[in-house]
Amino acid sequence: MAGEISFFELGVDDPEKARTFYGALFGWNFEPGPSDEGGYAIGTPSGQGGVHGGDPGAGPYLFFRVDDMAAAVAQVRELGGSLEGPDLGDDEETAARFGRFQLCRDDQGSPFGLHEPPGVR
């Protein structure tokens, strides 16, 4: 269903310490993430997430599900919002495993993300 929270991403200083902390706190499962920078993909009872390093003190990034990334991006722009950086799932192998991601800002400048899960197209 489009619009539901589909993915979360935690920015931390040290992904290994985050793995230890959140794994012990919530019992989450961790596996190596798609980048070579030491991040992790997170499996939780209610959804998927990720953790990346080099982003100390960051708030969680929330990604809302969309069924068509191109159409959703066009609508963000049409409504006065903007895009932050590139599509984070433009590598086909990564997109097949994790889906496509796009960081955005709404028409007031507040950040949010879009996530097209793998296999939606």
PDB file of N, CA and C in Angstrom:
ATOM      1  N   MET A   1       0.847  -1.182   0.000  1.00  0.00           N
ATOM      2  CA  MET A   1       0.000   0.000   0.000  1.00  0.00           C
ATOM      3  C   MET A   1       0.885   1.235   0.000  1.00  0.00           C
ATOM      4  N   ALA A   2       0.716   2.118  -0.934  1.00  0.00           N
ATOM      5  CA  ALA A   2       1.517   3.334  -1.019  1.00  0.00           C
ATOM      6  C   ALA A   2       1.263   4.228   0.186  1.00  0.00           C
ATOM      7  N   GLY A   3       2.330   4.841   0.683  1.00  0.00           N
ATOM      8  CA  GLY A   3       2.227   5.794   1.787  1.00  0.00           C
ATOM      9  C   GLY A   3       2.563   5.226   3.142  1.00  0.00           C
ATOM     10  N   GLU A   4       2.609   3.900   3.295  1.00  0.00           N
ATOM     11  CA  GLU A   4       2.965   3.335   4.594  1.00  0.00           C
ATOM     12  C   GLU A   4       4.470   3.449   4.800  1.00  0.00           C
ATOM     13  N   ILE A   5       4.904   3.472   6.059  1.00  0.00           N
ATOM     14  CA  ILE A   5       6.335   3.475   6.325  1.00  0.00           C
ATOM     15  C   ILE A   5       6.876   2.138   5.854  1.00  0.00           C
ATOM     16  N   SER A   6       7.852   2.197   4.969  1.00  0.00           N
ATOM     17  CA  SER A   6       8.341   1.012   4.288  1.00  0.00           C
ATOM     18  C   SER A   6       9.761   0.648   4.696  1.00  0.00           C
ATOM     19  N   PHE A   7      10.542   1.624   5.163  1.00  0.00           N
ATOM     20  CA  PHE A   7      11.952   1.396   5.455  1.00  0.00           C
ATOM     21  C   PHE A   7      12.429   2.502   6.375  1.00  0.00           C
ATOM     22  N   PHE A   8      13.353   2.176   7.266  1.00  0.00           N
ATOM     23  CA  PHE A   8      13.991   3.206   8.089  1.00  0.00           C
ATOM     24  C   PHE A   8      15.499   3.048   7.971  1.00  0.00           C
ATOM     25  N   GLU A   9      16.206   4.133   8.172  1.00  0.00           N
ATOM     26  CA  GLU A   9      17.663   4.126   8.108  1.00  0.00           C
ATOM     27  C   GLU A   9      18.194   4.905   9.299  1.00  0.00           C
ATOM     28  N   LEU A  10      19.135   4.305  10.012  1.00  0.00           N
ATOM     29  CA  LEU A  10      19.750   4.955  11.162  1.00  0.00           C
ATOM     30  C   LEU A  10      21.144   5.422  10.778  1.00  0.00           C
ATOM     31  N   GLY A  11      21.408   6.702  10.986  1.00  0.00           N
ATOM     32  CA  GLY A  11      22.742   7.246  10.785  1.00  0.00           C
ATOM     33  C   GLY A  11      23.467   7.265  12.128  1.00  0.00           C
ATOM     34  N   VAL A  12      24.641   6.677  12.182  1.00  0.00           N
ATOM     35  CA  VAL A  12      25.416   6.577  13.419  1.00  0.00           C
ATOM     36  C   VAL A  12      26.888   6.864  13.103  1.00  0.00           C
ATOM     37  N   ASP A  13      27.688   6.990  14.129  1.00  0.00           N
ATOM     38  CA  ASP A  13      29.119   7.159  13.931  1.00  0.00           C
ATOM     39  C   ASP A  13      29.764   5.825  13.569  1.00  0.00           C
ATOM     40  N   ASP A  14      29.431   4.767  14.313  1.00  0.00           N
ATOM     41  CA  ASP A  14      30.068   3.453  14.162  1.00  0.00           C
ATOM     42  C   ASP A  14      28.995   2.374  13.992  1.00  0.00           C
ATOM     43  N   PRO A  15      28.843   1.825  12.787  1.00  0.00           N
ATOM     44  CA  PRO A  15      27.801   0.816  12.552  1.00  0.00           C
ATOM     45  C   PRO A  15      27.944  -0.440  13.413  1.00  0.00           C
ATOM     46  N   GLU A  16      29.171  -0.849  13.720  1.00  0.00           N
ATOM     47  CA  GLU A  16      29.373  -2.048  14.529  1.00  0.00           C
ATOM     48  C   GLU A  16      28.843  -1.844  15.944  1.00  0.00           C
ATOM     49  N   LYS A  17      29.077  -0.668  16.508  1.00  0.00           N
ATOM     50  CA  LYS A  17      28.547  -0.363  17.842  1.00  0.00           C
ATOM     51  C   LYS A  17      27.021  -0.310  17.798  1.00  0.00           C
ATOM     52  N   ALA A  18      26.468   0.229  16.711  1.00  0.00           N
ATOM     53  CA  ALA A  18      25.008   0.281  16.567  1.00  0.00           C
ATOM     54  C   ALA A  18      24.435  -1.128  16.474  1.00  0.00           C
ATOM     55  N   ARG A  19      25.128  -1.999  15.767  1.00  0.00           N
ATOM     56  CA  ARG A  19      24.685  -3.391  15.662  1.00  0.00           C
ATOM     57  C   ARG A  19      24.607  -4.027  17.046  1.00  0.00           C
ATOM     58  N   THR A  20      25.628  -3.834  17.838  1.00  0.00           N
ATOM     59  CA  THR A  20      25.653  -4.384  19.197  1.00  0.00           C
ATOM     60  C   THR A  20      24.526  -3.792  20.041  1.00  0.00           C
ATOM     61  N   PHE A  21      24.366  -2.463  19.993  1.00  0.00           N
ATOM     62  CA  PHE A  21      23.367  -1.773  20.812  1.00  0.00           C
ATOM     63  C   PHE A  21      21.944  -2.174  20.433  1.00  0.00           C
ATOM     64  N   TYR A  22      21.577  -1.962  19.155  1.00  0.00           N
ATOM     65  CA  TYR A  22      20.195  -2.223  18.734  1.00  0.00           C
ATOM     66  C   TYR A  22      19.874  -3.717  18.696  1.00  0.00           C
ATOM     67  N   GLY A  23      20.875  -4.537  18.402  1.00  0.00           N
ATOM     68  CA  GLY A  23      20.666  -5.981  18.444  1.00  0.00           C
ATOM     69  C   GLY A  23      20.303  -6.444  19.841  1.00  0.00           C
ATOM     70  N   ALA A  24      21.023  -5.916  20.844  1.00  0.00           N
ATOM     71  CA  ALA A  24      20.740  -6.282  22.237  1.00  0.00           C
ATOM     72  C   ALA A  24      19.427  -5.677  22.716  1.00  0.00           C
ATOM     73  N   LEU A  25      19.159  -4.440  22.319  1.00  0.00           N
ATOM     74  CA  LEU A  25      17.959  -3.746  22.788  1.00  0.00           C
ATOM     75  C   LEU A  25      16.675  -4.333  22.198  1.00  0.00           C
ATOM     76  N   PHE A  26      16.655  -4.565  20.893  1.00  0.00           N
ATOM     77  CA  PHE A  26      15.427  -4.974  20.211  1.00  0.00           C
ATOM     78  C   PHE A  26      15.454  -6.394  19.654  1.00  0.00           C
ATOM     79  N   GLY A  27      16.598  -7.059  19.658  1.00  0.00           N
ATOM     80  CA  GLY A  27      16.698  -8.386  19.076  1.00  0.00           C
ATOM     81  C   GLY A  27      16.671  -8.382  17.558  1.00  0.00           C
ATOM     82  N   TRP A  28      17.032  -7.252  16.938  1.00  0.00           N
ATOM     83  CA  TRP A  28      17.034  -7.148  15.485  1.00  0.00           C
ATOM     84  C   TRP A  28      18.127  -8.016  14.882  1.00  0.00           C
ATOM     85  N   ASN A  29      17.906  -8.463  13.654  1.00  0.00           N
ATOM     86  CA  ASN A  29      18.892  -9.231  12.900  1.00  0.00           C
ATOM     87  C   ASN A  29      19.645  -8.301  11.959  1.00  0.00           C
ATOM     88  N   PHE A  30      20.948  -8.483  11.874  1.00  0.00           N
ATOM     89  CA  PHE A  30      21.791  -7.643  11.028  1.00  0.00           C
ATOM     90  C   PHE A  30      22.542  -8.505  10.025  1.00  0.00           C
ATOM     91  N   GLU A  31      22.667  -7.995   8.798  1.00  0.00           N
ATOM     92  CA  GLU A  31      23.504  -8.626   7.780  1.00  0.00           C
ATOM     93  C   GLU A  31      24.215  -7.508   7.035  1.00  0.00           C
ATOM     94  N   PRO A  32      25.352  -7.803   6.413  1.00  0.00           N
ATOM     95  CA  PRO A  32      26.078  -6.748   5.704  1.00  0.00           C
ATOM     96  C   PRO A  32      25.187  -6.028   4.707  1.00  0.00           C
ATOM     97  N   GLY A  33      25.322  -4.707   4.671  1.00  0.00           N
ATOM     98  CA  GLY A  33      24.535  -3.878   3.767  1.00  0.00           C
ATOM     99  C   GLY A  33      25.127  -3.809   2.372  1.00  0.00           C
ATOM    100  N   PRO A  34      24.502  -3.002   1.508  1.00  0.00           N
ATOM    101  CA  PRO A  34      24.917  -2.961   0.110  1.00  0.00           C
ATOM    102  C   PRO A  34      26.193  -2.176  -0.157  1.00  0.00           C
ATOM    103  N   SER A  35      26.630  -1.349   0.789  1.00  0.00           N
ATOM    104  CA  SER A  35      27.826  -0.547   0.529  1.00  0.00           C
ATOM    105  C   SER A  35      29.059  -1.209   1.140  1.00  0.00           C
ATOM    106  N   ASP A  36      30.199  -0.745   0.725  1.00  0.00           N
ATOM    107  CA  ASP A  36      31.459  -1.255   1.257  1.00  0.00           C
ATOM    108  C   ASP A  36      31.905  -0.469   2.487  1.00  0.00           C
ATOM    109  N   GLU A  37      31.042   0.356   3.036  1.00  0.00           N
ATOM    110  CA  GLU A  37      31.405   1.241   4.138  1.00  0.00           C
ATOM    111  C   GLU A  37      31.051   0.667   5.507  1.00  0.00           C
ATOM    112  N   GLY A  38      30.708  -0.612   5.586  1.00  0.00           N
ATOM    113  CA  GLY A  38      30.474  -1.244   6.872  1.00  0.00           C
ATOM    114  C   GLY A  38      29.072  -1.122   7.428  1.00  0.00           C
ATOM    115  N   GLY A  39      28.105  -0.699   6.640  1.00  0.00           N
ATOM    116  CA  GLY A  39      26.738  -0.608   7.117  1.00  0.00           C
ATOM    117  C   GLY A  39      26.063  -1.965   7.153  1.00  0.00           C
ATOM    118  N   TYR A  40      24.845  -1.974   7.661  1.00  0.00           N
ATOM    119  CA  TYR A  40      24.098  -3.216   7.792  1.00  0.00           C
ATOM    120  C   TYR A  40      22.665  -3.049   7.300  1.00  0.00           C
ATOM    121  N   ALA A  41      22.118  -4.123   6.789  1.00  0.00           N
ATOM    122  CA  ALA A  41      20.685  -4.239   6.564  1.00  0.00           C
ATOM    123  C   ALA A  41      20.107  -4.808   7.854  1.00  0.00           C
ATOM    124  N   ILE A  42      18.957  -4.289   8.271  1.00  0.00           N
ATOM    125  CA  ILE A  42      18.353  -4.680   9.537  1.00  0.00           C
ATOM    126  C   ILE A  42      17.015  -5.353   9.257  1.00  0.00           C
ATOM    127  N   GLY A  43      16.812  -6.501   9.883  1.00  0.00           N
ATOM    128  CA  GLY A  43      15.522  -7.177   9.823  1.00  0.00           C
ATOM    129  C   GLY A  43      14.836  -7.056  11.175  1.00  0.00           C
ATOM    130  N   THR A  44      13.607  -6.569  11.165  1.00  0.00           N
ATOM    131  CA  THR A  44      12.830  -6.432  12.392  1.00  0.00           C
ATOM    132  C   THR A  44      11.527  -7.207  12.220  1.00  0.00           C
ATOM    133  N   PRO A  45      10.805  -7.465  13.293  1.00  0.00           N
ATOM    134  CA  PRO A  45       9.525  -8.168  13.154  1.00  0.00           C
ATOM    135  C   PRO A  45       8.505  -7.427  12.291  1.00  0.00           C
ATOM    136  N   SER A  46       8.630  -6.088  12.183  1.00  0.00           N
ATOM    137  CA  SER A  46       7.620  -5.331  11.455  1.00  0.00           C
ATOM    138  C   SER A  46       8.130  -4.670  10.182  1.00  0.00           C
ATOM    139  N   GLY A  47       9.367  -4.903   9.803  1.00  0.00           N
ATOM    140  CA  GLY A  47       9.849  -4.276   8.580  1.00  0.00           C
ATOM    141  C   GLY A  47      11.347  -4.341   8.438  1.00  0.00           C
ATOM    142  N   GLN A  48      11.826  -3.616   7.445  1.00  0.00           N
ATOM    143  CA  GLN A  48      13.246  -3.598   7.138  1.00  0.00           C
ATOM    144  C   GLN A  48      13.835  -2.235   7.391  1.00  0.00           C
ATOM    145  N   GLY A  49      15.133  -2.253   7.682  1.00  0.00           N
ATOM    146  CA  GLY A  49      15.845  -1.007   7.880  1.00  0.00           C
ATOM    147  C   GLY A  49      17.303  -1.169   7.530  1.00  0.00           C
ATOM    148  N   GLY A  50      18.048  -0.126   7.828  1.00  0.00           N
ATOM    149  CA  GLY A  50      19.473  -0.142   7.586  1.00  0.00           C
ATOM    150  C   GLY A  50      20.174   0.771   8.563  1.00  0.00           C
ATOM    151  N   VAL A  51      21.472   0.621   8.651  1.00  0.00           N
ATOM    152  CA  VAL A  51      22.298   1.495   9.480  1.00  0.00           C
ATOM    153  C   VAL A  51      23.561   1.795   8.685  1.00  0.00           C
ATOM    154  N   HIS A  52      23.961   3.084   8.696  1.00  0.00           N
ATOM    155  CA  HIS A  52      25.187   3.489   8.022  1.00  0.00           C
ATOM    156  C   HIS A  52      26.028   4.323   8.970  1.00  0.00           C
ATOM    157  N   GLY A  53      27.327   4.316   8.750  1.00  0.00           N
ATOM    158  CA  GLY A  53      28.253   5.052   9.604  1.00  0.00           C
ATOM    159  C   GLY A  53      28.575   6.430   9.065  1.00  0.00           C
ATOM    160  N   GLY A  54      29.382   7.153   9.838  1.00  0.00           N
ATOM    161  CA  GLY A  54      29.816   8.483   9.429  1.00  0.00           C
ATOM    162  C   GLY A  54      28.742   9.540   9.521  1.00  0.00           C
ATOM    163  N   ASP A  55      27.715   9.311  10.321  1.00  0.00           N
ATOM    164  CA  ASP A  55      26.572  10.224  10.426  1.00  0.00           C
ATOM    165  C   ASP A  55      26.170  10.338  11.899  1.00  0.00           C
ATOM    166  N   PRO A  56      27.133  10.736  12.786  1.00  0.00           N
ATOM    167  CA  PRO A  56      26.855  10.738  14.224  1.00  0.00           C
ATOM    168  C   PRO A  56      25.727  11.699  14.611  1.00  0.00           C
ATOM    169  N   GLY A  57      24.888  11.244  15.529  1.00  0.00           N
ATOM    170  CA  GLY A  57      23.812  12.089  16.059  1.00  0.00           C
ATOM    171  C   GLY A  57      22.661  12.326  15.100  1.00  0.00           C
ATOM    172  N   ALA A  58      22.617  11.617  13.992  1.00  0.00           N
ATOM    173  CA  ALA A  58      21.547  11.824  13.011  1.00  0.00           C
ATOM    174  C   ALA A  58      20.224  11.289  13.533  1.00  0.00           C
ATOM    175  N   GLY A  59      19.141  11.918  13.138  1.00  0.00           N
ATOM    176  CA  GLY A  59      17.822  11.380  13.414  1.00  0.00           C
ATOM    177  C   GLY A  59      17.530  10.267  12.429  1.00  0.00           C
ATOM    178  N   PRO A  60      16.561   9.406  12.711  1.00  0.00           N
ATOM    179  CA  PRO A  60      16.211   8.337  11.775  1.00  0.00           C
ATOM    180  C   PRO A  60      15.672   8.914  10.465  1.00  0.00           C
ATOM    181  N   TYR A  61      15.976   8.250   9.392  1.00  0.00           N
ATOM    182  CA  TYR A  61      15.426   8.584   8.091  1.00  0.00           C
ATOM    183  C   TYR A  61      14.234   7.659   7.867  1.00  0.00           C
ATOM    184  N   LEU A  62      13.065   8.223   7.553  1.00  0.00           N
ATOM    185  CA  LEU A  62      11.874   7.420   7.277  1.00  0.00           C
ATOM    186  C   LEU A  62      11.579   7.445   5.786  1.00  0.00           C
ATOM    187  N   PHE A  63      11.303   6.269   5.253  1.00  0.00           N
ATOM    188  CA  PHE A  63      10.984   6.130   3.842  1.00  0.00           C
ATOM    189  C   PHE A  63       9.566   5.596   3.707  1.00  0.00           C
ATOM    190  N   PHE A  64       8.769   6.272   2.878  1.00  0.00           N
ATOM    191  CA  PHE A  64       7.387   5.882   2.638  1.00  0.00           C
ATOM    192  C   PHE A  64       7.299   5.112   1.329  1.00  0.00           C
ATOM    193  N   ARG A  65       6.511   4.048   1.347  1.00  0.00           N
ATOM    194  CA  ARG A  65       6.386   3.167   0.183  1.00  0.00           C
ATOM    195  C   ARG A  65       5.692   3.876  -0.974  1.00  0.00           C
ATOM    196  N   VAL A  66       6.237   3.643  -2.165  1.00  0.00           N
ATOM    197  CA  VAL A  66       5.596   4.064  -3.412  1.00  0.00           C
ATOM    198  C   VAL A  66       5.639   2.875  -4.361  1.00  0.00           C
ATOM    199  N   ASP A  67       4.677   2.812  -5.258  1.00  0.00           N
ATOM    200  CA  ASP A  67       4.620   1.715  -6.216  1.00  0.00           C
ATOM    201  C   ASP A  67       5.327   2.043  -7.519  1.00  0.00           C
ATOM    202  N   ASP A  68       5.612   3.321  -7.759  1.00  0.00           N
ATOM    203  CA  ASP A  68       6.277   3.756  -8.984  1.00  0.00           C
ATOM    204  C   ASP A  68       7.146   4.954  -8.633  1.00  0.00           C
ATOM    205  N   MET A  69       8.462   4.727  -8.496  1.00  0.00           N
ATOM    206  CA  MET A  69       9.374   5.788  -8.066  1.00  0.00           C
ATOM    207  C   MET A  69       9.340   6.984  -9.014  1.00  0.00           C
ATOM    208  N   ALA A  70       9.378   6.745 -10.310  1.00  0.00           N
ATOM    209  CA  ALA A  70       9.402   7.847 -11.272  1.00  0.00           C
ATOM    210  C   ALA A  70       8.153   8.725 -11.127  1.00  0.00           C
ATOM    211  N   ALA A  71       6.996   8.108 -10.999  1.00  0.00           N
ATOM    212  CA  ALA A  71       5.748   8.870 -10.848  1.00  0.00           C
ATOM    213  C   ALA A  71       5.728   9.623  -9.519  1.00  0.00           C
ATOM    214  N   ALA A  72       6.216   8.994  -8.453  1.00  0.00           N
ATOM    215  CA  ALA A  72       6.237   9.651  -7.136  1.00  0.00           C
ATOM    216  C   ALA A  72       7.185  10.844  -7.133  1.00  0.00           C
ATOM    217  N   VAL A  73       8.356  10.695  -7.754  1.00  0.00           N
ATOM    218  CA  VAL A  73       9.322  11.794  -7.838  1.00  0.00           C
ATOM    219  C   VAL A  73       8.719  12.956  -8.619  1.00  0.00           C
ATOM    220  N   ALA A  74       8.046  12.653  -9.716  1.00  0.00           N
ATOM    221  CA  ALA A  74       7.399  13.697 -10.509  1.00  0.00           C
ATOM    222  C   ALA A  74       6.342  14.420  -9.677  1.00  0.00           C
ATOM    223  N   GLN A  75       5.595  13.684  -8.874  1.00  0.00           N
ATOM    224  CA  GLN A  75       4.561  14.302  -8.064  1.00  0.00           C
ATOM    225  C   GLN A  75       5.151  15.157  -6.945  1.00  0.00           C
ATOM    226  N   VAL A  76       6.264  14.710  -6.347  1.00  0.00           N
ATOM    227  CA  VAL A  76       6.949  15.530  -5.337  1.00  0.00           C
ATOM    228  C   VAL A  76       7.289  16.890  -5.934  1.00  0.00           C
ATOM    229  N   ARG A  77       7.889  16.870  -7.119  1.00  0.00           N
ATOM    230  CA  ARG A  77       8.264  18.129  -7.786  1.00  0.00           C
ATOM    231  C   ARG A  77       7.036  18.968  -8.127  1.00  0.00           C
ATOM    232  N   GLU A  78       5.992  18.323  -8.626  1.00  0.00           N
ATOM    233  CA  GLU A  78       4.754  19.013  -9.008  1.00  0.00           C
ATOM    234  C   GLU A  78       4.114  19.711  -7.809  1.00  0.00           C
ATOM    235  N   LEU A  79       4.251  19.101  -6.633  1.00  0.00           N
ATOM    236  CA  LEU A  79       3.655  19.665  -5.423  1.00  0.00           C
ATOM    237  C   LEU A  79       4.551  20.694  -4.737  1.00  0.00           C
ATOM    238  N   GLY A  80       5.706  21.001  -5.342  1.00  0.00           N
ATOM    239  CA  GLY A  80       6.594  22.025  -4.790  1.00  0.00           C
ATOM    240  C   GLY A  80       7.711  21.474  -3.921  1.00  0.00           C
ATOM    241  N   GLY A  81       7.839  20.158  -3.860  1.00  0.00           N
ATOM    242  CA  GLY A  81       8.922  19.557  -3.099  1.00  0.00           C
ATOM    243  C   GLY A  81      10.185  19.458  -3.939  1.00  0.00           C
ATOM    244  N   SER A  82      11.237  18.900  -3.332  1.00  0.00           N
ATOM    245  CA  SER A  82      12.508  18.778  -4.038  1.00  0.00           C
ATOM    246  C   SER A  82      13.166  17.446  -3.708  1.00  0.00           C
ATOM    247  N   LEU A  83      14.169  17.099  -4.500  1.00  0.00           N
ATOM    248  CA  LEU A  83      14.922  15.869  -4.311  1.00  0.00           C
ATOM    249  C   LEU A  83      16.270  16.197  -3.689  1.00  0.00           C
ATOM    250  N   GLU A  84      16.751  15.291  -2.855  1.00  0.00           N
ATOM    251  CA  GLU A  84      18.055  15.425  -2.223  1.00  0.00           C
ATOM    252  C   GLU A  84      18.957  14.344  -2.784  1.00  0.00           C
ATOM    253  N   GLY A  85      19.940  14.707  -3.556  1.00  0.00           N
ATOM    254  CA  GLY A  85      20.895  13.739  -4.061  1.00  0.00           C
ATOM    255  C   GLY A  85      20.292  12.780  -5.067  1.00  0.00           C
ATOM    256  N   PRO A  86      21.073  11.757  -5.434  1.00  0.00           N
ATOM    257  CA  PRO A  86      20.630  10.805  -6.461  1.00  0.00           C
ATOM    258  C   PRO A  86      19.687   9.755  -5.897  1.00  0.00           C
ATOM    259  N   ASP A  87      19.051   9.022  -6.809  1.00  0.00           N
ATOM    260  CA  ASP A  87      18.285   7.824  -6.454  1.00  0.00           C
ATOM    261  C   ASP A  87      19.261   6.867  -5.785  1.00  0.00           C
ATOM    262  N   LEU A  88      18.922   6.377  -4.596  1.00  0.00           N
ATOM    263  CA  LEU A  88      19.826   5.521  -3.845  1.00  0.00           C
ATOM    264  C   LEU A  88      19.662   4.047  -4.188  1.00  0.00           C
ATOM    265  N   GLY A  89      19.068   3.750  -5.312  1.00  0.00           N
ATOM    266  CA  GLY A  89      18.905   2.368  -5.733  1.00  0.00           C
ATOM    267  C   GLY A  89      19.127   2.214  -7.220  1.00  0.00           C
ATOM    268  N   ASP A  90      20.049   3.035  -7.774  1.00  0.00           N
ATOM    269  CA  ASP A  90      20.236   2.984  -9.213  1.00  0.00           C
ATOM    270  C   ASP A  90      21.106   1.814  -9.665  1.00  0.00           C
ATOM    271  N   ASP A  91      21.791   1.150  -8.755  1.00  0.00           N
ATOM    272  CA  ASP A  91      22.541  -0.071  -9.057  1.00  0.00           C
ATOM    273  C   ASP A  91      21.524  -1.214  -9.101  1.00  0.00           C
ATOM    274  N   GLU A  92      21.412  -1.893 -10.224  1.00  0.00           N
ATOM    275  CA  GLU A  92      20.368  -2.907 -10.412  1.00  0.00           C
ATOM    276  C   GLU A  92      20.456  -4.054  -9.402  1.00  0.00           C
ATOM    277  N   GLU A  93      21.658  -4.482  -9.041  1.00  0.00           N
ATOM    278  CA  GLU A  93      21.804  -5.566  -8.071  1.00  0.00           C
ATOM    279  C   GLU A  93      21.303  -5.139  -6.693  1.00  0.00           C
ATOM    280  N   THR A  94      21.672  -3.926  -6.287  1.00  0.00           N
ATOM    281  CA  THR A  94      21.206  -3.396  -5.004  1.00  0.00           C
ATOM    282  C   THR A  94      19.693  -3.180  -5.027  1.00  0.00           C
ATOM    283  N   ALA A  95      19.177  -2.636  -6.124  1.00  0.00           N
ATOM    284  CA  ALA A  95      17.734  -2.402  -6.247  1.00  0.00           C
ATOM    285  C   ALA A  95      16.961  -3.712  -6.185  1.00  0.00           C
ATOM    286  N   ALA A  96      17.498  -4.777  -6.776  1.00  0.00           N
ATOM    287  CA  ALA A  96      16.818  -6.069  -6.744  1.00  0.00           C
ATOM    288  C   ALA A  96      16.748  -6.620  -5.321  1.00  0.00           C
ATOM    289  N   ARG A  97      17.721  -6.290  -4.505  1.00  0.00           N
ATOM    290  CA  ARG A  97      17.759  -6.800  -3.134  1.00  0.00           C
ATOM    291  C   ARG A  97      17.027  -5.901  -2.140  1.00  0.00           C
ATOM    292  N   PHE A  98      17.206  -4.584  -2.271  1.00  0.00           N
ATOM    293  CA  PHE A  98      16.686  -3.639  -1.275  1.00  0.00           C
ATOM    294  C   PHE A  98      15.617  -2.692  -1.806  1.00  0.00           C
ATOM    295  N   GLY A  99      15.486  -2.574  -3.115  1.00  0.00           N
ATOM    296  CA  GLY A  99      14.556  -1.621  -3.698  1.00  0.00           C
ATOM    297  C   GLY A  99      15.251  -0.323  -4.066  1.00  0.00           C
ATOM    298  N   ARG A 100      14.444   0.672  -4.422  1.00  0.00           N
ATOM    299  CA  ARG A 100      14.962   1.999  -4.807  1.00  0.00           C
ATOM    300  C   ARG A 100      14.567   3.004  -3.739  1.00  0.00           C
ATOM    301  N   PHE A 101      15.466   3.957  -3.499  1.00  0.00           N
ATOM    302  CA  PHE A 101      15.264   4.967  -2.457  1.00  0.00           C
ATOM    303  C   PHE A 101      15.526   6.352  -3.020  1.00  0.00           C
ATOM    304  N   GLN A 102      14.786   7.332  -2.542  1.00  0.00           N
ATOM    305  CA  GLN A 102      15.027   8.717  -2.922  1.00  0.00           C
ATOM    306  C   GLN A 102      14.780   9.610  -1.707  1.00  0.00           C
ATOM    307  N   LEU A 103      15.786  10.381  -1.330  1.00  0.00           N
ATOM    308  CA  LEU A 103      15.617  11.382  -0.269  1.00  0.00           C
ATOM    309  C   LEU A 103      14.962  12.610  -0.874  1.00  0.00           C
ATOM    310  N   CYS A 104      14.005  13.194  -0.145  1.00  0.00           N
ATOM    311  CA  CYS A 104      13.240  14.330  -0.644  1.00  0.00           C
ATOM    312  C   CYS A 104      13.064  15.373   0.463  1.00  0.00           C
ATOM    313  N   ARG A 105      12.531  16.504   0.070  1.00  0.00           N
ATOM    314  CA  ARG A 105      12.043  17.519   1.009  1.00  0.00           C
ATOM    315  C   ARG A 105      10.666  17.948   0.528  1.00  0.00           C
ATOM    316  N   ASP A 106       9.772  18.180   1.499  1.00  0.00           N
ATOM    317  CA  ASP A 106       8.430  18.624   1.120  1.00  0.00           C
ATOM    318  C   ASP A 106       8.463  20.101   0.739  1.00  0.00           C
ATOM    319  N   ASP A 107       7.304  20.691   0.475  1.00  0.00           N
ATOM    320  CA  ASP A 107       7.241  22.087   0.027  1.00  0.00           C
ATOM    321  C   ASP A 107       7.577  23.087   1.123  1.00  0.00           C
ATOM    322  N   GLN A 108       7.823  22.602   2.346  1.00  0.00           N
ATOM    323  CA  GLN A 108       8.247  23.472   3.439  1.00  0.00           C
ATOM    324  C   GLN A 108       9.694  23.187   3.856  1.00  0.00           C
ATOM    325  N   GLY A 109      10.346  22.250   3.168  1.00  0.00           N
ATOM    326  CA  GLY A 109      11.738  21.936   3.439  1.00  0.00           C
ATOM    327  C   GLY A 109      11.978  20.798   4.412  1.00  0.00           C
ATOM    328  N   SER A 110      10.921  20.122   4.864  1.00  0.00           N
ATOM    329  CA  SER A 110      11.086  19.005   5.798  1.00  0.00           C
ATOM    330  C   SER A 110      11.499  17.741   5.048  1.00  0.00           C
ATOM    331  N   PRO A 111      12.487  17.001   5.596  1.00  0.00           N
ATOM    332  CA  PRO A 111      12.997  15.815   4.902  1.00  0.00           C
ATOM    333  C   PRO A 111      12.115  14.585   5.085  1.00  0.00           C
ATOM    334  N   PHE A 112      12.088  13.746   4.057  1.00  0.00           N
ATOM    335  CA  PHE A 112      11.445  12.440   4.093  1.00  0.00           C
ATOM    336  C   PHE A 112      12.032  11.621   2.947  1.00  0.00           C
ATOM    337  N   GLY A 113      11.717  10.360   2.901  1.00  0.00           N
ATOM    338  CA  GLY A 113      12.220   9.523   1.819  1.00  0.00           C
ATOM    339  C   GLY A 113      11.110   8.725   1.161  1.00  0.00           C
ATOM    340  N   LEU A 114      11.372   8.318  -0.078  1.00  0.00           N
ATOM    341  CA  LEU A 114      10.492   7.429  -0.827  1.00  0.00           C
ATOM    342  C   LEU A 114      11.206   6.092  -0.994  1.00  0.00           C
ATOM    343  N   HIS A 115      10.449   4.996  -0.923  1.00  0.00           N
ATOM    344  CA  HIS A 115      11.016   3.662  -1.110  1.00  0.00           C
ATOM    345  C   HIS A 115      10.112   2.857  -2.020  1.00  0.00           C
ATOM    346  N   GLU A 116      10.679   2.380  -3.106  1.00  0.00           N
ATOM    347  CA  GLU A 116       9.986   1.439  -3.984  1.00  0.00           C
ATOM    348  C   GLU A 116      10.587   0.077  -3.688  1.00  0.00           C
ATOM    349  N   PRO A 117       9.861  -0.789  -2.973  1.00  0.00           N
ATOM    350  CA  PRO A 117      10.416  -2.097  -2.595  1.00  0.00           C
ATOM    351  C   PRO A 117      10.806  -2.924  -3.814  1.00  0.00           C
ATOM    352  N   PRO A 118      11.696  -3.884  -3.628  1.00  0.00           N
ATOM    353  CA  PRO A 118      12.081  -4.735  -4.752  1.00  0.00           C
ATOM    354  C   PRO A 118      10.893  -5.530  -5.270  1.00  0.00           C
ATOM    355  N   GLY A 119      10.873  -5.735  -6.581  1.00  0.00           N
ATOM    356  CA  GLY A 119       9.814  -6.532  -7.194  1.00  0.00           C
ATOM    357  C   GLY A 119       8.496  -5.833  -7.389  1.00  0.00           C
ATOM    358  N   VAL A 120       8.417  -4.521  -7.126  1.00  0.00           N
ATOM    359  CA  VAL A 120       7.154  -3.794  -7.278  1.00  0.00           C
ATOM    360  C   VAL A 120       6.831  -3.576  -8.745  1.00  0.00           C
ATOM    361  N   ARG A 121       7.845  -3.313  -9.555  1.00  0.00           N
ATOM    362  CA  ARG A 121       7.604  -3.028 -10.974  1.00  0.00           C
ATOM    363  C   ARG A 121       7.235  -4.261 -11.729  1.00  0.00           C
TER     364      ARG A 121
END
